[in-house]
């Protein structure tokens, strides 16, 4: 069993979090707006969607199986 997809997902979430807090979530950053929605709101919404998707995919390819209780 290879752990490559699992490591890729973990690295992607880690990098997404790091980049978000260093570059995306800065004070007073409101442009570019999406209609009347400020940058910080719609960018954090997109980041949250990616993290939720990665969590769902990670739950499907988790490398360890639960043992059945008898």
C-alpha atoms as a PDB file:
ATOM      1  CA  UNK A   1       0.000   0.000   0.000  1.00  0.00           C
ATOM      2  CA  UNK A   2       1.399   3.377  -0.981  1.00  0.00           C
ATOM      3  CA  UNK A   3       0.910   6.455   1.144  1.00  0.00           C
ATOM      4  CA  UNK A   4       1.607   8.933  -1.652  1.00  0.00           C
ATOM      5  CA  UNK A   5      -1.982  10.318  -1.967  1.00  0.00           C
ATOM      6  CA  UNK A   6      -2.227  10.606   1.812  1.00  0.00           C
ATOM      7  CA  UNK A   7       1.056  12.522   2.025  1.00  0.00           C
ATOM      8  CA  UNK A   8       0.020  14.746  -0.889  1.00  0.00           C
ATOM      9  CA  UNK A   9      -3.257  15.688   0.842  1.00  0.00           C
ATOM     10  CA  UNK A  10      -1.553  16.366   4.165  1.00  0.00           C
ATOM     11  CA  UNK A  11       1.095  18.529   2.479  1.00  0.00           C
ATOM     12  CA  UNK A  12      -1.554  20.384   0.447  1.00  0.00           C
ATOM     13  CA  UNK A  13      -3.591  21.247   3.562  1.00  0.00           C
ATOM     14  CA  UNK A  14      -0.454  22.312   5.424  1.00  0.00           C
ATOM     15  CA  UNK A  15       0.716  24.552   2.570  1.00  0.00           C
ATOM     16  CA  UNK A  16      -2.777  25.970   2.046  1.00  0.00           C
ATOM     17  CA  UNK A  17      -2.967  26.884   5.723  1.00  0.00           C
ATOM     18  CA  UNK A  18       0.509  28.405   5.747  1.00  0.00           C
ATOM     19  CA  UNK A  19      -0.058  30.441   2.582  1.00  0.00           C
ATOM     20  CA  UNK A  20      -3.477  31.575   3.802  1.00  0.00           C
ATOM     21  CA  UNK A  21      -2.231  32.993   7.076  1.00  0.00           C
ATOM     22  CA  UNK A  22       0.914  34.549   5.583  1.00  0.00           C
ATOM     23  CA  UNK A  23      -0.478  36.005   2.367  1.00  0.00           C
ATOM     24  CA  UNK A  24      -4.284  35.874   2.127  1.00  0.00           C
ATOM     25  CA  UNK A  25      -5.529  36.850   5.572  1.00  0.00           C
ATOM     26  CA  UNK A  26      -3.901  40.258   5.963  1.00  0.00           C
ATOM     27  CA  UNK A  27      -5.468  43.207   7.734  1.00  0.00           C
ATOM     28  CA  UNK A  28      -7.101  45.899   5.617  1.00  0.00           C
ATOM     29  CA  UNK A  29      -7.034  43.695   2.481  1.00  0.00           C
ATOM     30  CA  UNK A  30     -10.434  44.209   0.851  1.00  0.00           C
ATOM     31  CA  UNK A  31      -9.587  44.206  -2.860  1.00  0.00           C
ATOM     32  CA  UNK A  32     -10.189  42.502  -5.207  1.00  0.00           C
ATOM     33  CA  UNK A  33     -13.819  42.269  -4.286  1.00  0.00           C
ATOM     34  CA  UNK A  34     -16.288  39.793  -5.694  1.00  0.00           C
ATOM     35  CA  UNK A  35     -19.283  42.030  -6.281  1.00  0.00           C
ATOM     36  CA  UNK A  36     -19.913  43.652  -2.908  1.00  0.00           C
ATOM     37  CA  UNK A  37     -18.184  40.838  -0.988  1.00  0.00           C
ATOM     38  CA  UNK A  38     -14.751  41.793   0.400  1.00  0.00           C
ATOM     39  CA  UNK A  39     -11.635  39.767  -0.465  1.00  0.00           C
ATOM     40  CA  UNK A  40     -11.112  38.341   3.018  1.00  0.00           C
ATOM     41  CA  UNK A  41     -14.584  36.777   3.080  1.00  0.00           C
ATOM     42  CA  UNK A  42     -14.657  35.097  -0.311  1.00  0.00           C
ATOM     43  CA  UNK A  43     -11.016  33.975  -0.166  1.00  0.00           C
ATOM     44  CA  UNK A  44     -11.489  32.400   3.267  1.00  0.00           C
ATOM     45  CA  UNK A  45     -14.654  30.704   1.998  1.00  0.00           C
ATOM     46  CA  UNK A  46     -12.719  29.178  -0.933  1.00  0.00           C
ATOM     47  CA  UNK A  47      -9.887  28.045   1.367  1.00  0.00           C
ATOM     48  CA  UNK A  48     -12.438  26.434   3.701  1.00  0.00           C
ATOM     49  CA  UNK A  49     -14.021  24.579   0.768  1.00  0.00           C
ATOM     50  CA  UNK A  50     -10.612  23.206  -0.251  1.00  0.00           C
ATOM     51  CA  UNK A  51      -9.841  22.062   3.309  1.00  0.00           C
ATOM     52  CA  UNK A  52     -13.245  20.368   3.630  1.00  0.00           C
ATOM     53  CA  UNK A  53     -12.747  18.637   0.272  1.00  0.00           C
ATOM     54  CA  UNK A  54      -9.258  17.479   1.295  1.00  0.00           C
ATOM     55  CA  UNK A  55     -10.650  16.182   4.597  1.00  0.00           C
ATOM     56  CA  UNK A  56     -13.338  14.230   2.772  1.00  0.00           C
ATOM     57  CA  UNK A  57     -10.819  12.751   0.339  1.00  0.00           C
ATOM     58  CA  UNK A  58      -8.463  11.962   3.209  1.00  0.00           C
ATOM     59  CA  UNK A  59     -11.208  10.068   5.014  1.00  0.00           C
ATOM     60  CA  UNK A  60     -11.688   7.909   1.914  1.00  0.00           C
ATOM     61  CA  UNK A  61      -7.985   7.094   1.401  1.00  0.00           C
ATOM     62  CA  UNK A  62      -6.814   6.993   5.020  1.00  0.00           C
ATOM     63  CA  UNK A  63      -3.984   4.432   5.135  1.00  0.00           C
ATOM     64  CA  UNK A  64      -5.096   2.635   8.317  1.00  0.00           C
ATOM     65  CA  UNK A  65      -8.249   0.561   8.491  1.00  0.00           C
ATOM     66  CA  UNK A  66     -10.319   0.326  11.655  1.00  0.00           C
ATOM     67  CA  UNK A  67     -10.419  -3.087  13.267  1.00  0.00           C
ATOM     68  CA  UNK A  68     -13.785  -4.756  13.587  1.00  0.00           C
ATOM     69  CA  UNK A  69     -14.915  -5.492  17.110  1.00  0.00           C
ATOM     70  CA  UNK A  70     -16.267  -8.984  17.601  1.00  0.00           C
END
